[in-house]
Amino acid sequence: MTLKKALANRIVELCEEKNITPYMLAVISGVDKSTIYSILGNKSRKPEVATIKKICDGLEITLAEFFNTPEFNDLEQEIR
């Protein structure tokens, strides 16, 4: 799995847990809706950490909670 796919999957998972849409996530996190949809689609390769932090703030979770999943723990190293 790629980092981009892991990020998109995690955002979708968290939206489902919180019973919100990606649009609602954009509103509560202060991130432009086009940025959210770019992360979920194929346009955004790697969003900035600051964007992920805003998403976490909107979801009322920490960055550690966001990234503490098997998907992120099992990612292969990108620099070799």
Protein backbone atom coordinates (compact mmCIF):
# COMPACT_ATOMS: atom_id res chain seq x y z
CA MET A 1 0.00 0.00 0.00
CA THR A 2 1.17 3.51 -0.75
CA LEU A 3 1.25 6.41 1.68
CA LYS A 4 -1.32 8.27 -0.40
CA LYS A 5 -3.74 5.33 -0.31
CA ALA A 6 -3.18 4.86 3.44
CA LEU A 7 -3.98 8.56 4.06
CA ALA A 8 -7.14 8.41 1.97
CA ASN A 9 -8.27 5.17 3.61
CA ARG A 10 -7.71 6.58 7.09
CA ILE A 11 -9.68 9.74 6.37
CA VAL A 12 -12.58 7.71 4.97
CA GLU A 13 -12.44 5.39 7.99
CA LEU A 14 -12.49 8.30 10.44
CA CYS A 15 -15.35 10.01 8.60
CA GLU A 16 -17.34 6.78 8.83
CA GLU A 17 -16.55 6.45 12.55
CA LYS A 18 -17.67 10.04 13.19
CA ASN A 19 -20.65 9.64 10.83
CA ILE A 20 -19.65 12.66 8.74
CA THR A 21 -19.09 13.28 5.04
CA PRO A 22 -15.81 14.50 3.56
CA TYR A 23 -17.55 17.84 2.99
CA MET A 24 -18.46 18.04 6.69
CA LEU A 25 -14.86 17.18 7.53
CA ALA A 26 -13.71 20.13 5.42
CA VAL A 27 -16.08 22.45 7.27
CA ILE A 28 -15.12 21.34 10.79
CA SER A 29 -11.40 21.22 10.07
CA GLY A 30 -11.12 24.46 8.13
CA VAL A 31 -9.54 22.67 5.18
CA ASP A 32 -10.82 23.59 1.75
CA LYS A 33 -13.20 20.92 0.44
CA SER A 34 -11.18 20.65 -2.77
CA THR A 35 -8.13 19.73 -0.68
CA ILE A 36 -10.06 16.97 1.11
CA TYR A 37 -11.37 15.60 -2.17
CA SER A 38 -7.89 15.83 -3.71
CA ILE A 39 -6.49 13.73 -0.88
CA LEU A 40 -9.27 11.20 -1.31
CA GLY A 41 -8.93 11.17 -5.10
CA ASN A 42 -5.91 11.03 -7.35
CA LYS A 43 -4.91 14.70 -7.46
CA SER A 44 -2.97 15.18 -4.20
CA ARG A 45 0.16 13.08 -3.99
CA LYS A 46 1.26 13.86 -0.44
CA PRO A 47 -0.61 16.45 1.62
CA GLU A 48 1.33 18.60 4.04
CA VAL A 49 1.52 17.57 7.68
CA ALA A 50 -0.16 20.89 8.54
CA THR A 51 -3.19 19.80 6.50
CA ILE A 52 -3.35 16.43 8.25
CA LYS A 53 -3.04 18.27 11.59
CA LYS A 54 -6.03 20.48 10.73
CA ILE A 55 -8.01 17.37 9.79
CA CYS A 56 -7.06 15.79 13.12
CA ASP A 57 -8.07 18.94 14.98
CA GLY A 58 -11.45 18.88 13.26
CA LEU A 59 -11.90 15.23 14.20
CA GLU A 60 -10.68 15.95 17.73
CA ILE A 61 -7.89 13.38 17.55
CA THR A 62 -4.12 13.64 17.77
CA LEU A 63 -1.68 13.05 14.95
CA ALA A 64 -0.55 9.96 16.84
CA GLU A 65 -4.11 8.61 16.83
CA PHE A 66 -4.41 9.34 13.12
CA PHE A 67 -1.24 7.47 12.22
CA ASN A 68 -1.46 4.64 14.78
CA THR A 69 -2.93 2.01 12.47
CA PRO A 70 -1.58 -1.17 10.91
CA GLU A 71 -1.70 0.49 7.47
CA PHE A 72 0.81 3.13 8.47
CA ASN A 73 2.90 0.79 10.61
CA ASP A 74 3.29 -1.61 7.68
CA LEU A 75 4.22 0.95 5.01
CA GLU A 76 7.47 0.19 3.24
CA GLN A 77 10.28 2.68 3.53
CA GLU A 78 10.17 5.06 0.56
CA ILE A 79 13.84 6.05 0.63
CA ARG A 80 16.32 3.26 0.15
